[in-house]
Amino acid sequence: MRRFARLARLALPAWLALGACAPARAGRAGVEASARTAPAAAAHGQYTHERDVEIPMRDGVVLRAELLRPAGDGPFPVLVYRTPYGRLDGIAHDSIFVKAVRRGYAVVVQDVRGRYASDGEFGAYRQEGRDGHDTIEWAAAQPWSDGNVGTFGLSYPAAVQWLAAIERPPHLRAMAPAMTYATPRRFFYAGGVWDNSWVGWVWQNIAPDLRRRAGVPGPSTDEEAARAWEAEGERAQRQLPLAGLPDFRGIAPWYYEWL
């Protein structure tokens, strides 16, 4: 699903045009490692980039984000993008973030709870409503913000928008979710049948960082996961009974709950 992230540019520019608020890939681990040697804030001519900005949630857990905003004091309308796939990976390989800044928006690109630089425990989808609400309201309260906040993204970064909207954050003005579900009844299952593509999604996109954080054996980088999938993917997809799949035990209990 992460492979389709570039399609978000089809949805967001159309929303930006409405003026709703106001005016070869490297592995994610490599992107994270290189960022640790970069300055905490850097100027890029037309905009500034603040790294590892801490955003506290209501329960005290700290989530971290990259903040891109136009040069100057603002205030600016804000766009929020929340992802489990690595905030730095998204910025490094998709131009939509910088394009939004050049259109006059501050952009918050956040690792969701329990992923990459953010603290806490990752439970797919279940914490995104409250965390999304708190992130939106944090963005609205910053001195560089004009209090108008929009969200964008597709796939998981789209689903988190629906979940946050249910919490009714007062400063949410617009959303641009794409390639996401209309109902959970046709998300994990289709026509009553389990969608086995979730095996590959967890294996390749989610499990590596969970293993890295927990210090447990198994593929812990994108590259290692890809190699393991070539060798073990067919076995994992043919696993019966479905709940007997051993590969996500101890790192992704929510997967077995979905079953």
C-alpha atoms as a PDB file:
ATOM      1  CA  MET A   1       0.000   0.000   0.000  1.00  0.00           C
ATOM      2  CA  ARG A   2       2.852   2.373   0.704  1.00  0.00           C
ATOM      3  CA  ARG A   3       3.889   2.013  -2.941  1.00  0.00           C
ATOM      4  CA  PHE A   4       0.867   4.088  -3.979  1.00  0.00           C
ATOM      5  CA  ALA A   5       1.783   7.077  -1.809  1.00  0.00           C
ATOM      6  CA  ARG A   6       2.601   9.261  -4.803  1.00  0.00           C
ATOM      7  CA  LEU A   7      -1.047   9.144  -5.864  1.00  0.00           C
ATOM      8  CA  ALA A   8      -1.792  11.557  -3.024  1.00  0.00           C
ATOM      9  CA  ARG A   9      -0.626  14.360  -5.278  1.00  0.00           C
ATOM     10  CA  LEU A  10      -3.773  13.775  -7.368  1.00  0.00           C
ATOM     11  CA  ALA A  11      -6.030  14.652  -4.435  1.00  0.00           C
ATOM     12  CA  LEU A  12      -4.172  17.385  -2.580  1.00  0.00           C
ATOM     13  CA  PRO A  13      -3.462  19.881  -5.400  1.00  0.00           C
ATOM     14  CA  ALA A  14      -7.171  19.946  -6.247  1.00  0.00           C
ATOM     15  CA  TRP A  15      -7.959  20.732  -2.621  1.00  0.00           C
ATOM     16  CA  LEU A  16      -5.201  23.329  -2.449  1.00  0.00           C
ATOM     17  CA  ALA A  17      -6.619  25.023  -5.528  1.00  0.00           C
ATOM     18  CA  LEU A  18      -9.893  25.555  -3.682  1.00  0.00           C
ATOM     19  CA  GLY A  19      -8.088  27.659  -1.088  1.00  0.00           C
ATOM     20  CA  ALA A  20      -9.941  25.757   1.635  1.00  0.00           C
ATOM     21  CA  CYS A  21      -7.791  27.082   4.454  1.00  0.00           C
ATOM     22  CA  ALA A  22      -5.967  30.039   2.897  1.00  0.00           C
ATOM     23  CA  PRO A  23      -3.513  30.890   0.511  1.00  0.00           C
ATOM     24  CA  ALA A  24      15.565   4.585  -7.003  1.00  0.00           C
ATOM     25  CA  ARG A  25      14.358   4.420  -3.372  1.00  0.00           C
ATOM     26  CA  ALA A  26      16.609   4.062  -0.339  1.00  0.00           C
ATOM     27  CA  GLY A  27      15.490   1.915   2.593  1.00  0.00           C
ATOM     28  CA  ARG A  28      13.643   3.703   5.363  1.00  0.00           C
ATOM     29  CA  ALA A  29      16.271   2.733   7.887  1.00  0.00           C
ATOM     30  CA  GLY A  30      18.907   4.451   5.766  1.00  0.00           C
ATOM     31  CA  VAL A  31      16.835   7.609   5.510  1.00  0.00           C
ATOM     32  CA  GLU A  32      16.355   7.635   9.286  1.00  0.00           C
ATOM     33  CA  ALA A  33      20.056   7.106   9.915  1.00  0.00           C
ATOM     34  CA  SER A  34      21.142   9.913   7.621  1.00  0.00           C
ATOM     35  CA  ALA A  35      18.652  12.288   9.216  1.00  0.00           C
ATOM     36  CA  ARG A  36      20.213  11.751  12.635  1.00  0.00           C
ATOM     37  CA  THR A  37      23.339  13.524  11.415  1.00  0.00           C
ATOM     38  CA  ALA A  38      21.424  16.515  10.025  1.00  0.00           C
ATOM     39  CA  PRO A  39      20.877  19.740  11.987  1.00  0.00           C
ATOM     40  CA  ALA A  40      17.687  20.017  14.045  1.00  0.00           C
ATOM     41  CA  ALA A  41      16.519  22.852  11.804  1.00  0.00           C
ATOM     42  CA  ALA A  42      17.657  23.886   8.359  1.00  0.00           C
ATOM     43  CA  ALA A  43      16.782  26.705   5.970  1.00  0.00           C
ATOM     44  CA  HIS A  44      16.078  25.832   2.338  1.00  0.00           C
ATOM     45  CA  GLY A  45      15.680  29.291   0.866  1.00  0.00           C
ATOM     46  CA  GLN A  46      11.908  29.440   0.560  1.00  0.00           C
ATOM     47  CA  TYR A  47      11.144  27.353   3.646  1.00  0.00           C
ATOM     48  CA  THR A  48      12.507  25.985   6.899  1.00  0.00           C
ATOM     49  CA  HIS A  49      12.636  22.368   7.990  1.00  0.00           C
ATOM     50  CA  GLU A  50      12.512  21.560  11.705  1.00  0.00           C
ATOM     51  CA  ARG A  51      13.341  17.976  12.617  1.00  0.00           C
ATOM     52  CA  ASP A  52      11.979  15.673  15.306  1.00  0.00           C
ATOM     53  CA  VAL A  53       9.421  18.188  16.564  1.00  0.00           C
ATOM     54  CA  GLU A  54       7.791  16.760  19.697  1.00  0.00           C
ATOM     55  CA  ILE A  55       3.989  16.686  19.821  1.00  0.00           C
ATOM     56  CA  PRO A  56       2.491  15.520  23.146  1.00  0.00           C
ATOM     57  CA  MET A  57      -0.681  13.443  23.195  1.00  0.00           C
ATOM     58  CA  ARG A  58      -3.330  13.614  25.915  1.00  0.00           C
ATOM     59  CA  ASP A  59      -1.917  10.527  27.664  1.00  0.00           C
ATOM     60  CA  GLY A  60       1.618  11.967  27.783  1.00  0.00           C
ATOM     61  CA  VAL A  61       3.043   9.939  24.883  1.00  0.00           C
ATOM     62  CA  VAL A  62       5.213  12.040  22.581  1.00  0.00           C
ATOM     63  CA  LEU A  63       4.893  11.715  18.817  1.00  0.00           C
ATOM     64  CA  ARG A  64       7.508  13.257  16.538  1.00  0.00           C
ATOM     65  CA  ALA A  65       7.198  15.040  13.243  1.00  0.00           C
ATOM     66  CA  GLU A  66       9.050  17.009  10.624  1.00  0.00           C
ATOM     67  CA  LEU A  67       7.801  20.563  10.302  1.00  0.00           C
ATOM     68  CA  LEU A  68       8.155  22.320   6.968  1.00  0.00           C
ATOM     69  CA  ARG A  69       6.949  25.904   6.808  1.00  0.00           C
ATOM     70  CA  PRO A  70       7.444  28.946   4.620  1.00  0.00           C
ATOM     71  CA  ALA A  71      10.148  31.412   5.524  1.00  0.00           C
ATOM     72  CA  GLY A  72       8.916  34.098   7.898  1.00  0.00           C
ATOM     73  CA  ASP A  73       6.866  34.168  11.051  1.00  0.00           C
ATOM     74  CA  GLY A  74       3.461  33.476   9.530  1.00  0.00           C
ATOM     75  CA  PRO A  75       0.867  32.742  10.586  1.00  0.00           C
ATOM     76  CA  PHE A  76       0.204  29.997   8.035  1.00  0.00           C
ATOM     77  CA  PRO A  77      -2.584  27.487   7.418  1.00  0.00           C
ATOM     78  CA  VAL A  78      -1.397  23.985   8.311  1.00  0.00           C
ATOM     79  CA  LEU A  79      -1.546  20.615   6.574  1.00  0.00           C
ATOM     80  CA  VAL A  80      -1.112  17.448   8.656  1.00  0.00           C
ATOM     81  CA  TYR A  81       0.125  14.153   7.229  1.00  0.00           C
ATOM     82  CA  ARG A  82       0.310  11.176   9.619  1.00  0.00           C
ATOM     83  CA  THR A  83       1.988   7.944   8.521  1.00  0.00           C
ATOM     84  CA  PRO A  84       3.171   4.555   9.803  1.00  0.00           C
ATOM     85  CA  TYR A  85       5.631   4.277   6.896  1.00  0.00           C
ATOM     86  CA  GLY A  86       8.304   6.716   8.075  1.00  0.00           C
ATOM     87  CA  ARG A  87       7.957  10.496   7.943  1.00  0.00           C
ATOM     88  CA  LEU A  88      11.467  10.934   6.501  1.00  0.00           C
ATOM     89  CA  ASP A  89      10.922   8.367   3.787  1.00  0.00           C
ATOM     90  CA  GLY A  90       7.843  10.240   2.634  1.00  0.00           C
ATOM     91  CA  ILE A  91       9.574  13.626   2.511  1.00  0.00           C
ATOM     92  CA  ALA A  92      12.635  12.188   0.769  1.00  0.00           C
ATOM     93  CA  HIS A  93      10.691  10.537  -2.053  1.00  0.00           C
ATOM     94  CA  ASP A  94       7.612  12.662  -2.662  1.00  0.00           C
ATOM     95  CA  SER A  95       7.633  16.305  -3.726  1.00  0.00           C
ATOM     96  CA  ILE A  96       4.080  17.033  -2.589  1.00  0.00           C
ATOM     97  CA  PHE A  97       5.228  18.230   0.845  1.00  0.00           C
ATOM     98  CA  VAL A  98       7.575  20.904  -0.470  1.00  0.00           C
ATOM     99  CA  LYS A  99       5.030  21.904  -3.119  1.00  0.00           C
ATOM    100  CA  ALA A 100       2.479  22.545  -0.380  1.00  0.00           C
ATOM    101  CA  VAL A 101       4.962  24.686   1.549  1.00  0.00           C
ATOM    102  CA  ARG A 102       5.667  26.724  -1.565  1.00  0.00           C
ATOM    103  CA  ARG A 103       1.929  27.333  -1.836  1.00  0.00           C
ATOM    104  CA  GLY A 104       2.018  28.954   1.619  1.00  0.00           C
ATOM    105  CA  TYR A 105       1.185  26.069   3.942  1.00  0.00           C
ATOM    106  CA  ALA A 106       3.033  24.803   6.989  1.00  0.00           C
ATOM    107  CA  VAL A 107       3.222  20.999   6.763  1.00  0.00           C
ATOM    108  CA  VAL A 108       3.439  18.601   9.708  1.00  0.00           C
ATOM    109  CA  VAL A 109       4.682  15.129   8.676  1.00  0.00           C
ATOM    110  CA  GLN A 110       4.296  12.834  11.667  1.00  0.00           C
ATOM    111  CA  ASP A 111       5.205   9.263  12.542  1.00  0.00           C
ATOM    112  CA  VAL A 112       2.122   7.752  14.151  1.00  0.00           C
ATOM    113  CA  ARG A 113       2.313   6.277  17.625  1.00  0.00           C
ATOM    114  CA  GLY A 114       4.819   3.461  17.992  1.00  0.00           C
ATOM    115  CA  ARG A 115       6.473   3.998  14.612  1.00  0.00           C
ATOM    116  CA  TYR A 116      10.025   5.162  13.892  1.00  0.00           C
ATOM    117  CA  ALA A 117      10.733   8.307  15.949  1.00  0.00           C
ATOM    118  CA  SER A 118       7.429   8.400  17.835  1.00  0.00           C
ATOM    119  CA  ASP A 119       7.012   6.945  21.301  1.00  0.00           C
ATOM    120  CA  GLY A 120       4.315   4.556  22.454  1.00  0.00           C
ATOM    121  CA  GLU A 121       3.015   1.235  21.182  1.00  0.00           C
ATOM    122  CA  PHE A 122       1.667   0.791  17.668  1.00  0.00           C
ATOM    123  CA  GLY A 123      -1.780  -0.731  17.411  1.00  0.00           C
ATOM    124  CA  ALA A 124      -2.874  -0.463  13.793  1.00  0.00           C
ATOM    125  CA  TYR A 125      -5.737   2.028  13.424  1.00  0.00           C
ATOM    126  CA  ARG A 126      -7.008   1.796  16.994  1.00  0.00           C
ATOM    127  CA  GLN A 127      -5.202   4.861  18.418  1.00  0.00           C
ATOM    128  CA  GLU A 128      -5.396   7.095  15.369  1.00  0.00           C
ATOM    129  CA  GLY A 129      -8.619   8.929  16.205  1.00  0.00           C
ATOM    130  CA  ARG A 130      -7.455  10.468  19.475  1.00  0.00           C
ATOM    131  CA  ASP A 131      -3.875  10.983  18.292  1.00  0.00           C
ATOM    132  CA  GLY A 132      -5.104  12.624  15.096  1.00  0.00           C
ATOM    133  CA  HIS A 133      -7.365  14.951  17.064  1.00  0.00           C
ATOM    134  CA  ASP A 134      -4.540  15.933  19.413  1.00  0.00           C
ATOM    135  CA  THR A 135      -2.111  16.522  16.546  1.00  0.00           C
ATOM    136  CA  ILE A 136      -4.570  18.724  14.676  1.00  0.00           C
ATOM    137  CA  GLU A 137      -5.295  20.795  17.761  1.00  0.00           C
ATOM    138  CA  TRP A 138      -1.571  21.064  18.574  1.00  0.00           C
ATOM    139  CA  ALA A 139      -0.926  22.378  15.062  1.00  0.00           C
ATOM    140  CA  ALA A 140      -3.726  24.926  15.369  1.00  0.00           C
ATOM    141  CA  ALA A 141      -2.294  26.290  18.641  1.00  0.00           C
ATOM    142  CA  GLN A 142       1.260  26.954  17.419  1.00  0.00           C
ATOM    143  CA  PRO A 143       2.436  30.576  17.036  1.00  0.00           C
ATOM    144  CA  TRP A 144       3.226  30.041  13.334  1.00  0.00           C
ATOM    145  CA  SER A 145      -0.292  28.661  12.676  1.00  0.00           C
ATOM    146  CA  ASP A 146      -3.375  30.696  11.739  1.00  0.00           C
ATOM    147  CA  GLY A 147      -5.611  28.061  13.360  1.00  0.00           C
ATOM    148  CA  ASN A 148      -6.860  26.486  10.122  1.00  0.00           C
ATOM    149  CA  VAL A 149      -5.806  22.859   9.707  1.00  0.00           C
ATOM    150  CA  GLY A 150      -6.307  20.425   6.843  1.00  0.00           C
ATOM    151  CA  THR A 151      -5.259  16.781   6.464  1.00  0.00           C
ATOM    152  CA  PHE A 152      -4.203  14.732   3.437  1.00  0.00           C
ATOM    153  CA  GLY A 153      -2.862  11.335   2.446  1.00  0.00           C
ATOM    154  CA  LEU A 154      -3.941   7.990   1.065  1.00  0.00           C
ATOM    155  CA  SER A 155      -4.140   4.410   2.246  1.00  0.00           C
ATOM    156  CA  TYR A 156      -3.249   4.357   5.964  1.00  0.00           C
ATOM    157  CA  PRO A 157      -2.588   8.135   5.967  1.00  0.00           C
ATOM    158  CA  ALA A 158      -6.121   8.497   4.563  1.00  0.00           C
ATOM    159  CA  ALA A 159      -7.777   6.187   7.087  1.00  0.00           C
ATOM    160  CA  VAL A 160      -6.293   8.166   9.965  1.00  0.00           C
ATOM    161  CA  GLN A 161      -8.125  11.228   8.647  1.00  0.00           C
ATOM    162  CA  TRP A 162     -11.534   9.566   8.911  1.00  0.00           C
ATOM    163  CA  LEU A 163     -10.707   8.367  12.405  1.00  0.00           C
ATOM    164  CA  ALA A 164      -9.551  11.811  13.527  1.00  0.00           C
ATOM    165  CA  ALA A 165     -12.634  13.485  12.038  1.00  0.00           C
ATOM    166  CA  ILE A 166     -14.873  11.261  14.155  1.00  0.00           C
ATOM    167  CA  GLU A 167     -13.293  12.918  17.200  1.00  0.00           C
ATOM    168  CA  ARG A 168     -14.455  16.325  15.879  1.00  0.00           C
ATOM    169  CA  PRO A 169     -11.294  18.428  16.314  1.00  0.00           C
ATOM    170  CA  PRO A 170     -12.524  22.045  16.381  1.00  0.00           C
ATOM    171  CA  HIS A 171      -9.830  23.388  14.044  1.00  0.00           C
ATOM    172  CA  LEU A 172     -10.130  20.784  11.281  1.00  0.00           C
ATOM    173  CA  ARG A 173     -11.243  22.679   8.179  1.00  0.00           C
ATOM    174  CA  ALA A 174     -10.695  20.250   5.298  1.00  0.00           C
ATOM    175  CA  MET A 175      -9.641  16.688   4.466  1.00  0.00           C
ATOM    176  CA  ALA A 176      -8.236  15.006   1.356  1.00  0.00           C
ATOM    177  CA  PRO A 177      -8.334  11.232   2.017  1.00  0.00           C
ATOM    178  CA  ALA A 178      -7.732   8.957  -0.969  1.00  0.00           C
ATOM    179  CA  MET A 179      -7.602   5.219  -1.652  1.00  0.00           C
ATOM    180  CA  THR A 180      -9.156   4.236   1.640  1.00  0.00           C
ATOM    181  CA  TYR A 181     -12.159   2.372   2.917  1.00  0.00           C
ATOM    182  CA  ALA A 182     -15.795   3.500   3.095  1.00  0.00           C
ATOM    183  CA  THR A 183     -16.645   0.858   5.676  1.00  0.00           C
ATOM    184  CA  PRO A 184     -14.520  -1.582   7.715  1.00  0.00           C
ATOM    185  CA  ARG A 185     -16.846  -4.325   6.481  1.00  0.00           C
ATOM    186  CA  ARG A 186     -15.071  -4.129   3.145  1.00  0.00           C
ATOM    187  CA  PHE A 187     -11.595  -3.511   4.476  1.00  0.00           C
ATOM    188  CA  PHE A 188     -10.282  -6.521   6.354  1.00  0.00           C
ATOM    189  CA  TYR A 189     -12.818  -8.768   4.633  1.00  0.00           C
ATOM    190  CA  ALA A 190     -14.447  -8.653   1.193  1.00  0.00           C
ATOM    191  CA  GLY A 191     -17.753 -10.438   0.776  1.00  0.00           C
ATOM    192  CA  GLY A 192     -17.136 -12.201   4.061  1.00  0.00           C
ATOM    193  CA  VAL A 193     -13.740 -13.522   2.942  1.00  0.00           C
ATOM    194  CA  TRP A 194     -10.495 -12.529   4.679  1.00  0.00           C
ATOM    195  CA  ASP A 195      -8.308 -10.300   2.486  1.00  0.00           C
ATOM    196  CA  ASN A 196      -4.989 -12.134   2.562  1.00  0.00           C
ATOM    197  CA  SER A 197      -3.088  -9.140   1.163  1.00  0.00           C
ATOM    198  CA  TRP A 198      -2.834  -7.984   4.782  1.00  0.00           C
ATOM    199  CA  VAL A 199      -0.124 -10.607   5.245  1.00  0.00           C
ATOM    200  CA  GLY A 200       2.131  -8.824   2.764  1.00  0.00           C
ATOM    201  CA  TRP A 201       1.263  -5.393   4.163  1.00  0.00           C
ATOM    202  CA  VAL A 202       2.281  -6.303   7.683  1.00  0.00           C
ATOM    203  CA  TRP A 203       5.317  -8.294   6.542  1.00  0.00           C
ATOM    204  CA  GLN A 204       6.831  -5.649   4.290  1.00  0.00           C
ATOM    205  CA  ASN A 205       5.614  -2.337   5.708  1.00  0.00           C
ATOM    206  CA  ILE A 206       4.967  -2.747   9.416  1.00  0.00           C
ATOM    207  CA  ALA A 207       6.736  -5.735  10.971  1.00  0.00           C
ATOM    208  CA  PRO A 208      10.357  -4.668  10.284  1.00  0.00           C
ATOM    209  CA  ASP A 209      10.223  -1.526  12.440  1.00  0.00           C
ATOM    210  CA  LEU A 210       8.233  -3.338  15.128  1.00  0.00           C
ATOM    211  CA  ARG A 211      10.983  -5.956  15.367  1.00  0.00           C
ATOM    212  CA  ARG A 212      13.662  -3.270  15.443  1.00  0.00           C
ATOM    213  CA  ARG A 213      11.966  -1.451  18.293  1.00  0.00           C
ATOM    214  CA  ALA A 214      11.321  -4.637  20.267  1.00  0.00           C
ATOM    215  CA  GLY A 215      14.760  -6.128  19.596  1.00  0.00           C
ATOM    216  CA  VAL A 216      13.296  -9.447  18.477  1.00  0.00           C
ATOM    217  CA  PRO A 217      14.694 -11.755  15.777  1.00  0.00           C
ATOM    218  CA  GLY A 218      13.605 -11.493  12.178  1.00  0.00           C
ATOM    219  CA  PRO A 219      13.783  -8.984   9.326  1.00  0.00           C
ATOM    220  CA  SER A 220      14.111  -5.482  10.771  1.00  0.00           C
ATOM    221  CA  THR A 221      14.740  -3.393   7.640  1.00  0.00           C
ATOM    222  CA  ASP A 222      12.908  -2.984   4.338  1.00  0.00           C
ATOM    223  CA  GLU A 223      15.682  -4.784   2.507  1.00  0.00           C
ATOM    224  CA  GLU A 224      15.703  -7.734   4.894  1.00  0.00           C
ATOM    225  CA  ALA A 225      11.908  -7.979   4.753  1.00  0.00           C
ATOM    226  CA  ALA A 226      11.944  -7.982   0.935  1.00  0.00           C
ATOM    227  CA  ARG A 227      14.496 -10.794   0.825  1.00  0.00           C
ATOM    228  CA  ALA A 228      12.582 -12.799   3.420  1.00  0.00           C
ATOM    229  CA  TRP A 229       9.348 -12.306   1.503  1.00  0.00           C
ATOM    230  CA  GLU A 230      10.919 -13.745  -1.638  1.00  0.00           C
ATOM    231  CA  ALA A 231      11.853 -16.856   0.308  1.00  0.00           C
ATOM    232  CA  GLU A 232       8.894 -17.163   2.675  1.00  0.00           C
ATOM    233  CA  GLY A 233       6.057 -15.127   1.174  1.00  0.00           C
ATOM    234  CA  GLU A 234       4.304 -18.011  -0.547  1.00  0.00           C
ATOM    235  CA  ARG A 235       4.455 -20.085   2.626  1.00  0.00           C
ATOM    236  CA  ALA A 236       2.996 -17.213   4.648  1.00  0.00           C
ATOM    237  CA  GLN A 237       0.193 -16.603   2.157  1.00  0.00           C
ATOM    238  CA  ARG A 238      -0.734 -20.293   2.024  1.00  0.00           C
ATOM    239  CA  GLN A 239      -0.784 -20.693   5.798  1.00  0.00           C
ATOM    240  CA  LEU A 240      -3.762 -22.652   7.125  1.00  0.00           C
ATOM    241  CA  PRO A 241      -5.321 -22.130   9.494  1.00  0.00           C
ATOM    242  CA  LEU A 242      -4.838 -18.392   9.032  1.00  0.00           C
ATOM    243  CA  ALA A 243      -4.372 -17.804  12.753  1.00  0.00           C
ATOM    244  CA  GLY A 244      -1.537 -20.311  12.771  1.00  0.00           C
ATOM    245  CA  LEU A 245       0.839 -17.909  11.030  1.00  0.00           C
ATOM    246  CA  PRO A 246       3.781 -17.621  13.429  1.00  0.00           C
ATOM    247  CA  ASP A 247       5.608 -14.649  11.896  1.00  0.00           C
ATOM    248  CA  PHE A 248       3.723 -11.808  13.595  1.00  0.00           C
ATOM    249  CA  ARG A 249       3.403 -13.349  17.053  1.00  0.00           C
ATOM    250  CA  GLY A 250       4.812 -11.067  19.715  1.00  0.00           C
ATOM    251  CA  ILE A 251       4.935  -7.972  17.512  1.00  0.00           C
ATOM    252  CA  ALA A 252       1.504  -7.530  15.902  1.00  0.00           C
ATOM    253  CA  PRO A 253      -1.204  -9.049  18.123  1.00  0.00           C
ATOM    254  CA  TRP A 254      -3.811  -6.862  16.409  1.00  0.00           C
ATOM    255  CA  TYR A 255      -3.313  -8.848  13.187  1.00  0.00           C
ATOM    256  CA  TYR A 256      -4.667 -11.974  14.848  1.00  0.00           C
ATOM    257  CA  GLU A 257      -7.530  -9.976  16.324  1.00  0.00           C
ATOM    258  CA  TRP A 258      -8.529  -8.905  12.808  1.00  0.00           C
ATOM    259  CA  LEU A 259      -8.874 -12.558  11.841  1.00  0.00           C
END
